[in-house]
Amino acid sequence: QVQLVELGGGVVQAGGSLRLSCAASERAFRTYTMAWFRQAPGKDREFVAAISWSGSSTAYADSVKGRFTISRENAKNSVYLQMNSLKPEDTAVYYCAAGRGGITTARALYNYWGQGTQVTVSS
Protein backbone atom coordinates (compact mmCIF):
# COMPACT_ATOMS: atom_id res chain seq x y z
CA GLN A 1 0.00 0.00 0.00
CA VAL A 2 1.21 3.51 -0.80
CA GLN A 3 2.11 5.26 2.42
CA LEU A 4 3.24 8.62 3.72
CA VAL A 5 4.61 8.48 7.23
CA GLU A 6 5.21 11.58 9.35
CA LEU A 7 7.78 11.70 12.12
CA GLY A 8 9.11 14.35 14.44
CA GLY A 9 6.08 15.65 16.26
CA GLY A 10 6.22 16.37 19.95
CA VAL A 11 5.89 18.96 22.67
CA VAL A 12 7.96 22.12 22.57
CA GLN A 13 7.95 25.44 24.40
CA ALA A 14 6.93 28.61 22.62
CA GLY A 15 9.86 30.01 20.70
CA GLY A 16 11.37 26.59 20.19
CA SER A 17 11.94 24.56 17.05
CA LEU A 18 10.84 21.26 15.68
CA ARG A 19 11.60 19.39 12.47
CA LEU A 20 9.00 17.14 10.87
CA SER A 21 9.76 14.55 8.25
CA CYS A 22 7.57 12.64 5.84
CA ALA A 23 8.76 9.48 4.15
CA ALA A 24 7.00 8.15 1.05
CA SER A 25 6.81 4.47 0.31
CA GLU A 26 7.04 4.82 -3.47
CA ARG A 27 9.77 6.20 -5.68
CA ALA A 28 7.07 7.82 -7.85
CA PHE A 29 6.49 10.44 -5.15
CA ARG A 30 9.72 12.08 -6.24
CA THR A 31 7.71 13.65 -9.07
CA TYR A 32 4.79 14.73 -6.89
CA THR A 33 4.08 18.06 -5.33
CA MET A 34 4.40 17.60 -1.58
CA ALA A 35 2.69 19.63 1.08
CA TRP A 36 2.04 20.01 4.77
CA PHE A 37 -1.37 20.72 6.24
CA ARG A 38 -2.41 21.02 9.85
CA GLN A 39 -5.60 20.65 11.81
CA ALA A 40 -6.28 21.99 15.27
CA PRO A 41 -9.16 20.65 17.39
CA GLY A 42 -12.48 21.99 16.19
CA LYS A 43 -10.97 23.60 13.11
CA ASP A 44 -10.72 22.75 9.43
CA ARG A 45 -7.56 21.30 8.00
CA GLU A 46 -5.49 24.20 6.71
CA PHE A 47 -2.63 24.58 4.30
CA VAL A 48 0.81 25.16 5.75
CA ALA A 49 3.40 24.76 3.00
CA ALA A 50 4.05 23.05 -0.32
CA ILE A 51 7.00 22.27 -2.53
CA SER A 52 7.22 21.33 -6.20
CA TRP A 53 8.69 18.04 -7.35
CA SER A 54 12.01 19.66 -8.22
CA GLY A 55 12.15 21.66 -5.03
CA SER A 56 12.49 24.86 -7.02
CA SER A 57 9.13 26.31 -6.00
CA THR A 58 7.61 26.64 -2.55
CA ALA A 59 4.51 28.17 -1.04
CA TYR A 60 3.62 29.05 2.55
CA ALA A 61 0.61 30.10 4.49
CA ASP A 62 0.91 33.68 5.71
CA SER A 63 0.74 32.47 9.29
CA VAL A 64 4.02 30.55 8.98
CA LYS A 65 6.05 32.63 6.51
CA GLY A 66 9.46 33.46 7.87
CA ARG A 67 9.22 30.76 10.53
CA PHE A 68 8.69 27.49 8.66
CA THR A 69 10.73 26.03 5.82
CA ILE A 70 9.67 23.15 3.60
CA SER A 71 12.29 21.11 1.80
CA ARG A 72 12.60 17.75 0.12
CA GLU A 73 15.23 15.14 -0.49
CA ASN A 74 14.03 13.05 -3.38
CA ALA A 75 16.80 10.48 -3.08
CA LYS A 76 15.21 9.54 0.25
CA ASN A 77 11.60 9.98 -0.92
CA SER A 78 11.27 12.47 1.90
CA VAL A 79 9.93 15.92 2.61
CA TYR A 80 10.65 18.02 5.68
CA LEU A 81 9.15 20.90 7.58
CA GLN A 82 11.52 22.92 9.73
CA MET A 83 9.48 24.90 12.24
CA ASN A 84 11.15 27.72 14.13
CA SER A 85 9.85 30.34 16.55
CA LEU A 86 6.91 28.13 17.35
CA LYS A 87 3.79 29.66 18.85
CA PRO A 88 0.96 28.07 20.83
CA GLU A 89 -1.32 28.68 17.85
CA ASP A 90 0.86 26.30 15.83
CA THR A 91 -0.47 23.46 17.96
CA ALA A 92 -2.17 20.97 15.66
CA VAL A 93 -1.91 17.60 14.01
CA TYR A 94 0.38 18.02 11.02
CA TYR A 95 -0.26 15.99 7.88
CA CYS A 96 1.97 15.25 4.94
CA ALA A 97 0.24 15.17 1.55
CA ALA A 98 1.16 14.37 -2.05
CA GLY A 99 -0.44 15.21 -5.39
CA ARG A 100 0.36 14.98 -9.08
CA GLY A 101 -0.56 18.56 -9.90
CA GLY A 102 1.30 21.76 -9.24
CA ILE A 103 1.46 23.63 -5.98
CA THR A 104 -1.99 24.24 -4.55
CA THR A 105 -3.47 25.08 -1.17
CA ALA A 106 -6.58 23.00 -1.82
CA ARG A 107 -6.54 19.81 0.17
CA ALA A 108 -8.90 18.08 -2.29
CA LEU A 109 -6.16 18.14 -4.93
CA TYR A 110 -3.81 16.04 -2.85
CA ASN A 111 -4.41 12.35 -3.33
CA TYR A 112 -2.25 10.81 -0.64
CA TRP A 113 -2.09 11.62 3.04
CA GLY A 114 -0.11 10.54 6.03
CA GLN A 115 -1.60 9.65 9.38
CA GLY A 116 -0.52 12.90 10.98
CA THR A 117 1.80 13.78 13.82
CA GLN A 118 0.91 15.87 16.84
CA VAL A 119 2.74 19.13 17.48
CA THR A 120 2.03 20.82 20.78
CA VAL A 121 3.50 24.21 21.62
CA SER A 122 3.22 25.21 25.25
CA SER A 123 3.01 28.76 26.57
C-alpha atoms as a PDB file:
ATOM      1  CA  GLN A   1       0.000   0.000   0.000  1.00  0.00           C
ATOM      2  CA  VAL A   2       1.209   3.512  -0.798  1.00  0.00           C
ATOM      3  CA  GLN A   3       2.115   5.258   2.423  1.00  0.00           C
ATOM      4  CA  LEU A   4       3.235   8.617   3.717  1.00  0.00           C
ATOM      5  CA  VAL A   5       4.613   8.480   7.231  1.00  0.00           C
ATOM      6  CA  GLU A   6       5.207  11.576   9.352  1.00  0.00           C
ATOM      7  CA  LEU A   7       7.775  11.703  12.123  1.00  0.00           C
ATOM      8  CA  GLY A   8       9.115  14.353  14.441  1.00  0.00           C
ATOM      9  CA  GLY A   9       6.078  15.654  16.264  1.00  0.00           C
ATOM     10  CA  GLY A  10       6.219  16.370  19.951  1.00  0.00           C
ATOM     11  CA  VAL A  11       5.891  18.960  22.674  1.00  0.00           C
ATOM     12  CA  VAL A  12       7.964  22.124  22.575  1.00  0.00           C
ATOM     13  CA  GLN A  13       7.954  25.443  24.404  1.00  0.00           C
ATOM     14  CA  ALA A  14       6.930  28.606  22.620  1.00  0.00           C
ATOM     15  CA  GLY A  15       9.863  30.010  20.701  1.00  0.00           C
ATOM     16  CA  GLY A  16      11.370  26.593  20.192  1.00  0.00           C
ATOM     17  CA  SER A  17      11.935  24.565  17.055  1.00  0.00           C
ATOM     18  CA  LEU A  18      10.835  21.258  15.676  1.00  0.00           C
ATOM     19  CA  ARG A  19      11.597  19.393  12.469  1.00  0.00           C
ATOM     20  CA  LEU A  20       8.999  17.138  10.873  1.00  0.00           C
ATOM     21  CA  SER A  21       9.764  14.551   8.250  1.00  0.00           C
ATOM     22  CA  CYS A  22       7.568  12.643   5.842  1.00  0.00           C
ATOM     23  CA  ALA A  23       8.757   9.483   4.150  1.00  0.00           C
ATOM     24  CA  ALA A  24       6.998   8.153   1.053  1.00  0.00           C
ATOM     25  CA  SER A  25       6.814   4.465   0.309  1.00  0.00           C
ATOM     26  CA  GLU A  26       7.035   4.820  -3.470  1.00  0.00           C
ATOM     27  CA  ARG A  27       9.768   6.203  -5.680  1.00  0.00           C
ATOM     28  CA  ALA A  28       7.070   7.818  -7.846  1.00  0.00           C
ATOM     29  CA  PHE A  29       6.486  10.439  -5.148  1.00  0.00           C
ATOM     30  CA  ARG A  30       9.722  12.075  -6.245  1.00  0.00           C
ATOM     31  CA  THR A  31       7.710  13.652  -9.070  1.00  0.00           C
ATOM     32  CA  TYR A  32       4.790  14.733  -6.891  1.00  0.00           C
ATOM     33  CA  THR A  33       4.076  18.059  -5.331  1.00  0.00           C
ATOM     34  CA  MET A  34       4.395  17.602  -1.584  1.00  0.00           C
ATOM     35  CA  ALA A  35       2.691  19.634   1.083  1.00  0.00           C
ATOM     36  CA  TRP A  36       2.037  20.013   4.767  1.00  0.00           C
ATOM     37  CA  PHE A  37      -1.373  20.723   6.238  1.00  0.00           C
ATOM     38  CA  ARG A  38      -2.412  21.020   9.846  1.00  0.00           C
ATOM     39  CA  GLN A  39      -5.605  20.654  11.807  1.00  0.00           C
ATOM     40  CA  ALA A  40      -6.282  21.987  15.271  1.00  0.00           C
ATOM     41  CA  PRO A  41      -9.159  20.647  17.395  1.00  0.00           C
ATOM     42  CA  GLY A  42     -12.484  21.993  16.187  1.00  0.00           C
ATOM     43  CA  LYS A  43     -10.969  23.604  13.107  1.00  0.00           C
ATOM     44  CA  ASP A  44     -10.715  22.745   9.430  1.00  0.00           C
ATOM     45  CA  ARG A  45      -7.564  21.295   7.999  1.00  0.00           C
ATOM     46  CA  GLU A  46      -5.487  24.196   6.713  1.00  0.00           C
ATOM     47  CA  PHE A  47      -2.633  24.582   4.296  1.00  0.00           C
ATOM     48  CA  VAL A  48       0.812  25.160   5.750  1.00  0.00           C
ATOM     49  CA  ALA A  49       3.403  24.756   3.004  1.00  0.00           C
ATOM     50  CA  ALA A  50       4.046  23.052  -0.323  1.00  0.00           C
ATOM     51  CA  ILE A  51       7.001  22.268  -2.534  1.00  0.00           C
ATOM     52  CA  SER A  52       7.223  21.332  -6.203  1.00  0.00           C
ATOM     53  CA  TRP A  53       8.688  18.040  -7.351  1.00  0.00           C
ATOM     54  CA  SER A  54      12.008  19.660  -8.223  1.00  0.00           C
ATOM     55  CA  GLY A  55      12.151  21.660  -5.027  1.00  0.00           C
ATOM     56  CA  SER A  56      12.490  24.864  -7.022  1.00  0.00           C
ATOM     57  CA  SER A  57       9.126  26.314  -5.998  1.00  0.00           C
ATOM     58  CA  THR A  58       7.606  26.642  -2.555  1.00  0.00           C
ATOM     59  CA  ALA A  59       4.509  28.175  -1.036  1.00  0.00           C
ATOM     60  CA  TYR A  60       3.622  29.050   2.545  1.00  0.00           C
ATOM     61  CA  ALA A  61       0.607  30.103   4.493  1.00  0.00           C
ATOM     62  CA  ASP A  62       0.910  33.684   5.709  1.00  0.00           C
ATOM     63  CA  SER A  63       0.741  32.470   9.286  1.00  0.00           C
ATOM     64  CA  VAL A  64       4.017  30.553   8.976  1.00  0.00           C
ATOM     65  CA  LYS A  65       6.049  32.626   6.515  1.00  0.00           C
ATOM     66  CA  GLY A  66       9.460  33.456   7.868  1.00  0.00           C
ATOM     67  CA  ARG A  67       9.223  30.762  10.526  1.00  0.00           C
ATOM     68  CA  PHE A  68       8.687  27.490   8.665  1.00  0.00           C
ATOM     69  CA  THR A  69      10.727  26.035   5.820  1.00  0.00           C
ATOM     70  CA  ILE A  70       9.674  23.153   3.605  1.00  0.00           C
ATOM     71  CA  SER A  71      12.286  21.107   1.796  1.00  0.00           C
ATOM     72  CA  ARG A  72      12.603  17.749   0.122  1.00  0.00           C
ATOM     73  CA  GLU A  73      15.231  15.137  -0.487  1.00  0.00           C
ATOM     74  CA  ASN A  74      14.027  13.052  -3.382  1.00  0.00           C
ATOM     75  CA  ALA A  75      16.798  10.481  -3.082  1.00  0.00           C
ATOM     76  CA  LYS A  76      15.213   9.543   0.249  1.00  0.00           C
ATOM     77  CA  ASN A  77      11.604   9.981  -0.922  1.00  0.00           C
ATOM     78  CA  SER A  78      11.272  12.472   1.898  1.00  0.00           C
ATOM     79  CA  VAL A  79       9.933  15.924   2.610  1.00  0.00           C
ATOM     80  CA  TYR A  80      10.651  18.025   5.677  1.00  0.00           C
ATOM     81  CA  LEU A  81       9.153  20.902   7.584  1.00  0.00           C
ATOM     82  CA  GLN A  82      11.516  22.918   9.733  1.00  0.00           C
ATOM     83  CA  MET A  83       9.485  24.898  12.241  1.00  0.00           C
ATOM     84  CA  ASN A  84      11.152  27.725  14.130  1.00  0.00           C
ATOM     85  CA  SER A  85       9.848  30.343  16.546  1.00  0.00           C
ATOM     86  CA  LEU A  86       6.908  28.133  17.348  1.00  0.00           C
ATOM     87  CA  LYS A  87       3.791  29.661  18.845  1.00  0.00           C
ATOM     88  CA  PRO A  88       0.961  28.075  20.834  1.00  0.00           C
ATOM     89  CA  GLU A  89      -1.318  28.681  17.852  1.00  0.00           C
ATOM     90  CA  ASP A  90       0.863  26.300  15.834  1.00  0.00           C
ATOM     91  CA  THR A  91      -0.466  23.455  17.964  1.00  0.00           C
ATOM     92  CA  ALA A  92      -2.171  20.966  15.655  1.00  0.00           C
ATOM     93  CA  VAL A  93      -1.910  17.603  14.012  1.00  0.00           C
ATOM     94  CA  TYR A  94       0.376  18.019  11.021  1.00  0.00           C
ATOM     95  CA  TYR A  95      -0.260  15.992   7.882  1.00  0.00           C
ATOM     96  CA  CYS A  96       1.970  15.254   4.943  1.00  0.00           C
ATOM     97  CA  ALA A  97       0.242  15.166   1.551  1.00  0.00           C
ATOM     98  CA  ALA A  98       1.158  14.368  -2.055  1.00  0.00           C
ATOM     99  CA  GLY A  99      -0.442  15.210  -5.389  1.00  0.00           C
ATOM    100  CA  ARG A 100       0.355  14.976  -9.078  1.00  0.00           C
ATOM    101  CA  GLY A 101      -0.561  18.560  -9.902  1.00  0.00           C
ATOM    102  CA  GLY A 102       1.303  21.756  -9.243  1.00  0.00           C
ATOM    103  CA  ILE A 103       1.456  23.627  -5.976  1.00  0.00           C
ATOM    104  CA  THR A 104      -1.985  24.239  -4.549  1.00  0.00           C
ATOM    105  CA  THR A 105      -3.469  25.083  -1.173  1.00  0.00           C
ATOM    106  CA  ALA A 106      -6.582  23.004  -1.824  1.00  0.00           C
ATOM    107  CA  ARG A 107      -6.544  19.805   0.172  1.00  0.00           C
ATOM    108  CA  ALA A 108      -8.895  18.079  -2.286  1.00  0.00           C
ATOM    109  CA  LEU A 109      -6.161  18.136  -4.926  1.00  0.00           C
ATOM    110  CA  TYR A 110      -3.813  16.043  -2.846  1.00  0.00           C
ATOM    111  CA  ASN A 111      -4.414  12.346  -3.330  1.00  0.00           C
ATOM    112  CA  TYR A 112      -2.245  10.810  -0.642  1.00  0.00           C
ATOM    113  CA  TRP A 113      -2.094  11.623   3.035  1.00  0.00           C
ATOM    114  CA  GLY A 114      -0.114  10.539   6.025  1.00  0.00           C
ATOM    115  CA  GLN A 115      -1.598   9.647   9.385  1.00  0.00           C
ATOM    116  CA  GLY A 116      -0.523  12.895  10.984  1.00  0.00           C
ATOM    117  CA  THR A 117       1.803  13.781  13.823  1.00  0.00           C
ATOM    118  CA  GLN A 118       0.913  15.872  16.844  1.00  0.00           C
ATOM    119  CA  VAL A 119       2.740  19.127  17.478  1.00  0.00           C
ATOM    120  CA  THR A 120       2.034  20.820  20.780  1.00  0.00           C
ATOM    121  CA  VAL A 121       3.505  24.214  21.621  1.00  0.00           C
ATOM    122  CA  SER A 122       3.221  25.211  25.251  1.00  0.00           C
ATOM    123  CA  SER A 123       3.010  28.756  26.570  1.00  0.00           C
END
